[in-house]
Amino acid sequence: MHGIQLKQTYRTDKACKNYILLISKEFKTELREQEQRERFISARTDSATDVGVREVYVCFVKDGEAVNAYVGLKSCSNAAL
């Protein structure tokens, strides 16, 4: 898309997965550090009623603006499947 030539290292599914996992880990670390600096945060969940997992989000204020950040998925033991 951007005209960048990829080396053989990043052309396999496994290499791509590892690369994405490293990026994800960095984003999670930054979010965790941001959450620890905040005085007030709120958490919320969302999902369909027939799904066994919930999406978890946190909300906090950064530089005077509300930030909603996706945290991850949480399994629900009592979901109606």
Foldseek 3Di string as FASTA:
>chain_A
DPPDDDDPQCPDPVSVVVVVVVVVVVVLVVVVVVVVPAPDKDKDWDDDQQDQKIWIWMWDADPRHIDIGTNGIDGHPPGHD
